[in-house]
Amino acid sequence: MREFAVYQDDDGSWVAECRELPGLKVKGKSEDEALQKIKQALLIYYPCRCED
């Protein structure tokens, strides 16, 4: 299981990052969008380990 940091950036966008995986950082217009994007990125990074 990976832990995510989700926060709102200075420009108002939402950022989600996984500090365990350097460089894995995404932005979204909403908190939910940022979380969905980071889940998609993890599926690319770990295709066998991210099943729902």
PDB file of N, CA and C in Angstrom:
ATOM      1  N   MET A   1       0.840  -1.173   0.000  1.00  0.00           N
ATOM      2  CA  MET A   1       0.000   0.000   0.000  1.00  0.00           C
ATOM      3  C   MET A   1       0.886   1.238   0.000  1.00  0.00           C
ATOM      4  N   ARG A   2       0.555   2.194  -0.813  1.00  0.00           N
ATOM      5  CA  ARG A   2       1.295   3.448  -0.911  1.00  0.00           C
ATOM      6  C   ARG A   2       0.528   4.560  -0.209  1.00  0.00           C
ATOM      7  N   GLU A   3       1.264   5.483   0.375  1.00  0.00           N
ATOM      8  CA  GLU A   3       0.653   6.647   0.999  1.00  0.00           C
ATOM      9  C   GLU A   3       0.821   7.839   0.081  1.00  0.00           C
ATOM     10  N   PHE A   4      -0.220   8.654  -0.011  1.00  0.00           N
ATOM     11  CA  PHE A   4      -0.211   9.827  -0.856  1.00  0.00           C
ATOM     12  C   PHE A   4      -0.293  11.080  -0.011  1.00  0.00           C
ATOM     13  N   ALA A   5       0.352  12.132  -0.485  1.00  0.00           N
ATOM     14  CA  ALA A   5       0.163  13.464   0.076  1.00  0.00           C
ATOM     15  C   ALA A   5      -0.689  14.227  -0.928  1.00  0.00           C
ATOM     16  N   VAL A   6      -1.777  14.811  -0.466  1.00  0.00           N
ATOM     17  CA  VAL A   6      -2.663  15.574  -1.332  1.00  0.00           C
ATOM     18  C   VAL A   6      -2.818  16.960  -0.714  1.00  0.00           C
ATOM     19  N   TYR A   7      -2.546  17.982  -1.530  1.00  0.00           N
ATOM     20  CA  TYR A   7      -2.626  19.349  -1.010  1.00  0.00           C
ATOM     21  C   TYR A   7      -2.952  20.305  -2.148  1.00  0.00           C
ATOM     22  N   GLN A   8      -3.392  21.499  -1.749  1.00  0.00           N
ATOM     23  CA  GLN A   8      -3.726  22.509  -2.746  1.00  0.00           C
ATOM     24  C   GLN A   8      -2.510  23.411  -2.937  1.00  0.00           C
ATOM     25  N   ASP A   9      -2.121  23.602  -4.194  1.00  0.00           N
ATOM     26  CA  ASP A   9      -0.955  24.391  -4.553  1.00  0.00           C
ATOM     27  C   ASP A   9      -1.301  25.886  -4.505  1.00  0.00           C
ATOM     28  N   ASP A  10      -0.284  26.728  -4.603  1.00  0.00           N
ATOM     29  CA  ASP A  10      -0.484  28.176  -4.549  1.00  0.00           C
ATOM     30  C   ASP A  10      -1.368  28.697  -5.676  1.00  0.00           C
ATOM     31  N   ASP A  11      -1.370  27.997  -6.815  1.00  0.00           N
ATOM     32  CA  ASP A  11      -2.184  28.437  -7.948  1.00  0.00           C
ATOM     33  C   ASP A  11      -3.617  27.903  -7.889  1.00  0.00           C
ATOM     34  N   GLY A  12      -3.965  27.188  -6.825  1.00  0.00           N
ATOM     35  CA  GLY A  12      -5.320  26.678  -6.650  1.00  0.00           C
ATOM     36  C   GLY A  12      -5.535  25.266  -7.146  1.00  0.00           C
ATOM     37  N   SER A  13      -4.570  24.714  -7.849  1.00  0.00           N
ATOM     38  CA  SER A  13      -4.715  23.336  -8.320  1.00  0.00           C
ATOM     39  C   SER A  13      -4.398  22.367  -7.180  1.00  0.00           C
ATOM     40  N   TRP A  14      -4.863  21.139  -7.333  1.00  0.00           N
ATOM     41  CA  TRP A  14      -4.614  20.105  -6.329  1.00  0.00           C
ATOM     42  C   TRP A  14      -3.451  19.237  -6.781  1.00  0.00           C
ATOM     43  N   VAL A  15      -2.593  18.900  -5.846  1.00  0.00           N
ATOM     44  CA  VAL A  15      -1.402  18.103  -6.128  1.00  0.00           C
ATOM     45  C   VAL A  15      -1.487  16.815  -5.326  1.00  0.00           C
ATOM     46  N   ALA A  16      -1.176  15.706  -5.958  1.00  0.00           N
ATOM     47  CA  ALA A  16      -1.070  14.411  -5.276  1.00  0.00           C
ATOM     48  C   ALA A  16       0.305  13.854  -5.603  1.00  0.00           C
ATOM     49  N   GLU A  17       0.990  13.388  -4.571  1.00  0.00           N
ATOM     50  CA  GLU A  17       2.310  12.804  -4.799  1.00  0.00           C
ATOM     51  C   GLU A  17       2.526  11.633  -3.869  1.00  0.00           C
ATOM     52  N   CYS A  18       3.370  10.746  -4.325  1.00  0.00           N
ATOM     53  CA  CYS A  18       3.755   9.582  -3.542  1.00  0.00           C
ATOM     54  C   CYS A  18       5.229   9.771  -3.208  1.00  0.00           C
ATOM     55  N   ARG A  19       5.521  10.148  -1.985  1.00  0.00           N
ATOM     56  CA  ARG A  19       6.892  10.482  -1.600  1.00  0.00           C
ATOM     57  C   ARG A  19       7.820   9.280  -1.641  1.00  0.00           C
ATOM     58  N   GLU A  20       7.258   8.061  -1.591  1.00  0.00           N
ATOM     59  CA  GLU A  20       8.076   6.848  -1.683  1.00  0.00           C
ATOM     60  C   GLU A  20       8.634   6.644  -3.088  1.00  0.00           C
ATOM     61  N   LEU A  21       8.003   7.286  -4.061  1.00  0.00           N
ATOM     62  CA  LEU A  21       8.403   7.133  -5.461  1.00  0.00           C
ATOM     63  C   LEU A  21       8.765   8.513  -6.019  1.00  0.00           C
ATOM     64  N   PRO A  22      10.030   8.890  -5.967  1.00  0.00           N
ATOM     65  CA  PRO A  22      10.440  10.219  -6.420  1.00  0.00           C
ATOM     66  C   PRO A  22       9.975  10.514  -7.844  1.00  0.00           C
ATOM     67  N   GLY A  23       9.454  11.706  -8.037  1.00  0.00           N
ATOM     68  CA  GLY A  23       8.996  12.114  -9.357  1.00  0.00           C
ATOM     69  C   GLY A  23       7.553  11.792  -9.647  1.00  0.00           C
ATOM     70  N   LEU A  24       6.904  11.021  -8.791  1.00  0.00           N
ATOM     71  CA  LEU A  24       5.500  10.680  -9.006  1.00  0.00           C
ATOM     72  C   LEU A  24       4.638  11.760  -8.354  1.00  0.00           C
ATOM     73  N   LYS A  25       4.272  12.740  -9.181  1.00  0.00           N
ATOM     74  CA  LYS A  25       3.537  13.909  -8.708  1.00  0.00           C
ATOM     75  C   LYS A  25       2.598  14.339  -9.818  1.00  0.00           C
ATOM     76  N   VAL A  26       1.322  14.525  -9.511  1.00  0.00           N
ATOM     77  CA  VAL A  26       0.332  14.923 -10.507  1.00  0.00           C
ATOM     78  C   VAL A  26      -0.475  16.103 -10.003  1.00  0.00           C
ATOM     79  N   LYS A  27      -1.103  16.817 -10.933  1.00  0.00           N
ATOM     80  CA  LYS A  27      -1.973  17.943 -10.600  1.00  0.00           C
ATOM     81  C   LYS A  27      -3.364  17.697 -11.157  1.00  0.00           C
ATOM     82  N   GLY A  28      -4.355  18.247 -10.470  1.00  0.00           N
ATOM     83  CA  GLY A  28      -5.728  18.164 -10.942  1.00  0.00           C
ATOM     84  C   GLY A  28      -6.493  19.417 -10.573  1.00  0.00           C
ATOM     85  N   LYS A  29      -7.645  19.598 -11.200  1.00  0.00           N
ATOM     86  CA  LYS A  29      -8.484  20.757 -10.892  1.00  0.00           C
ATOM     87  C   LYS A  29      -9.209  20.591  -9.568  1.00  0.00           C
ATOM     88  N   SER A  30      -9.349  19.334  -9.122  1.00  0.00           N
ATOM     89  CA  SER A  30     -10.008  19.048  -7.842  1.00  0.00           C
ATOM     90  C   SER A  30      -9.186  17.985  -7.112  1.00  0.00           C
ATOM     91  N   GLU A  31      -9.492  17.818  -5.843  1.00  0.00           N
ATOM     92  CA  GLU A  31      -8.805  16.796  -5.047  1.00  0.00           C
ATOM     93  C   GLU A  31      -9.065  15.410  -5.633  1.00  0.00           C
ATOM     94  N   ASP A  32     -10.313  15.161  -6.026  1.00  0.00           N
ATOM     95  CA  ASP A  32     -10.676  13.867  -6.592  1.00  0.00           C
ATOM     96  C   ASP A  32      -9.942  13.608  -7.909  1.00  0.00           C
ATOM     97  N   GLU A  33      -9.833  14.627  -8.745  1.00  0.00           N
ATOM     98  CA  GLU A  33      -9.131  14.460 -10.018  1.00  0.00           C
ATOM     99  C   GLU A  33      -7.654  14.136  -9.780  1.00  0.00           C
ATOM    100  N   ALA A  34      -7.027  14.808  -8.829  1.00  0.00           N
ATOM    101  CA  ALA A  34      -5.620  14.533  -8.525  1.00  0.00           C
ATOM    102  C   ALA A  34      -5.442  13.103  -8.028  1.00  0.00           C
ATOM    103  N   LEU A  35      -6.357  12.627  -7.186  1.00  0.00           N
ATOM    104  CA  LEU A  35      -6.273  11.248  -6.695  1.00  0.00           C
ATOM    105  C   LEU A  35      -6.462  10.236  -7.822  1.00  0.00           C
ATOM    106  N   GLN A  36      -7.393  10.496  -8.725  1.00  0.00           N
ATOM    107  CA  GLN A  36      -7.603   9.589  -9.856  1.00  0.00           C
ATOM    108  C   GLN A  36      -6.369   9.539 -10.756  1.00  0.00           C
ATOM    109  N   LYS A  37      -5.747  10.690 -10.962  1.00  0.00           N
ATOM    110  CA  LYS A  37      -4.555  10.731 -11.816  1.00  0.00           C
ATOM    111  C   LYS A  37      -3.389   9.973 -11.185  1.00  0.00           C
ATOM    112  N   ILE A  38      -3.229  10.095  -9.868  1.00  0.00           N
ATOM    113  CA  ILE A  38      -2.104   9.391  -9.246  1.00  0.00           C
ATOM    114  C   ILE A  38      -2.350   7.885  -9.229  1.00  0.00           C
ATOM    115  N   LYS A  39      -3.600   7.480  -9.118  1.00  0.00           N
ATOM    116  CA  LYS A  39      -3.915   6.046  -9.206  1.00  0.00           C
ATOM    117  C   LYS A  39      -3.578   5.518 -10.599  1.00  0.00           C
ATOM    118  N   GLN A  40      -3.907   6.292 -11.640  1.00  0.00           N
ATOM    119  CA  GLN A  40      -3.566   5.891 -12.999  1.00  0.00           C
ATOM    120  C   GLN A  40      -2.053   5.814 -13.184  1.00  0.00           C
ATOM    121  N   ALA A  41      -1.329   6.765 -12.622  1.00  0.00           N
ATOM    122  CA  ALA A  41       0.130   6.761 -12.731  1.00  0.00           C
ATOM    123  C   ALA A  41       0.718   5.535 -12.040  1.00  0.00           C
ATOM    124  N   LEU A  42       0.147   5.148 -10.910  1.00  0.00           N
ATOM    125  CA  LEU A  42       0.624   3.954 -10.208  1.00  0.00           C
ATOM    126  C   LEU A  42       0.360   2.689 -11.012  1.00  0.00           C
ATOM    127  N   LEU A  43      -0.739   2.649 -11.741  1.00  0.00           N
ATOM    128  CA  LEU A  43      -1.011   1.486 -12.592  1.00  0.00           C
ATOM    129  C   LEU A  43       0.043   1.345 -13.674  1.00  0.00           C
ATOM    130  N   ILE A  44       0.578   2.452 -14.136  1.00  0.00           N
ATOM    131  CA  ILE A  44       1.653   2.414 -15.131  1.00  0.00           C
ATOM    132  C   ILE A  44       2.959   2.012 -14.458  1.00  0.00           C
ATOM    133  N   TYR A  45       3.211   2.571 -13.276  1.00  0.00           N
ATOM    134  CA  TYR A  45       4.453   2.309 -12.552  1.00  0.00           C
ATOM    135  C   TYR A  45       4.525   0.870 -12.056  1.00  0.00           C
ATOM    136  N   TYR A  46       3.418   0.380 -11.489  1.00  0.00           N
ATOM    137  CA  TYR A  46       3.316  -0.977 -10.961  1.00  0.00           C
ATOM    138  C   TYR A  46       2.102  -1.673 -11.564  1.00  0.00           C
ATOM    139  N   PRO A  47       2.152  -2.131 -12.796  1.00  0.00           N
ATOM    140  CA  PRO A  47       0.960  -2.696 -13.430  1.00  0.00           C
ATOM    141  C   PRO A  47       0.396  -3.930 -12.750  1.00  0.00           C
ATOM    142  N   CYS A  48       1.189  -4.674 -12.008  1.00  0.00           N
ATOM    143  CA  CYS A  48       0.708  -5.911 -11.389  1.00  0.00           C
ATOM    144  C   CYS A  48       0.227  -5.734  -9.956  1.00  0.00           C
ATOM    145  N   ARG A  49       0.507  -4.606  -9.333  1.00  0.00           N
ATOM    146  CA  ARG A  49       0.226  -4.449  -7.908  1.00  0.00           C
ATOM    147  C   ARG A  49      -0.902  -3.502  -7.577  1.00  0.00           C
ATOM    148  N   CYS A  50      -1.529  -2.883  -8.552  1.00  0.00           N
ATOM    149  CA  CYS A  50      -2.511  -1.838  -8.252  1.00  0.00           C
ATOM    150  C   CYS A  50      -3.927  -2.233  -8.617  1.00  0.00           C
ATOM    151  N   GLU A  51      -4.295  -3.436  -8.384  1.00  0.00           N
ATOM    152  CA  GLU A  51      -5.650  -3.851  -8.683  1.00  0.00           C
ATOM    153  C   GLU A  51      -6.566  -3.398  -7.570  1.00  0.00           C
ATOM    154  N   ASP A  52      -7.806  -3.028  -7.924  1.00  0.00           N
ATOM    155  CA  ASP A  52      -8.784  -2.557  -6.917  1.00  0.00           C
ATOM    156  C   ASP A  52      -9.196  -3.654  -5.977  1.00  0.00           C
TER     157      ASP A  52
END
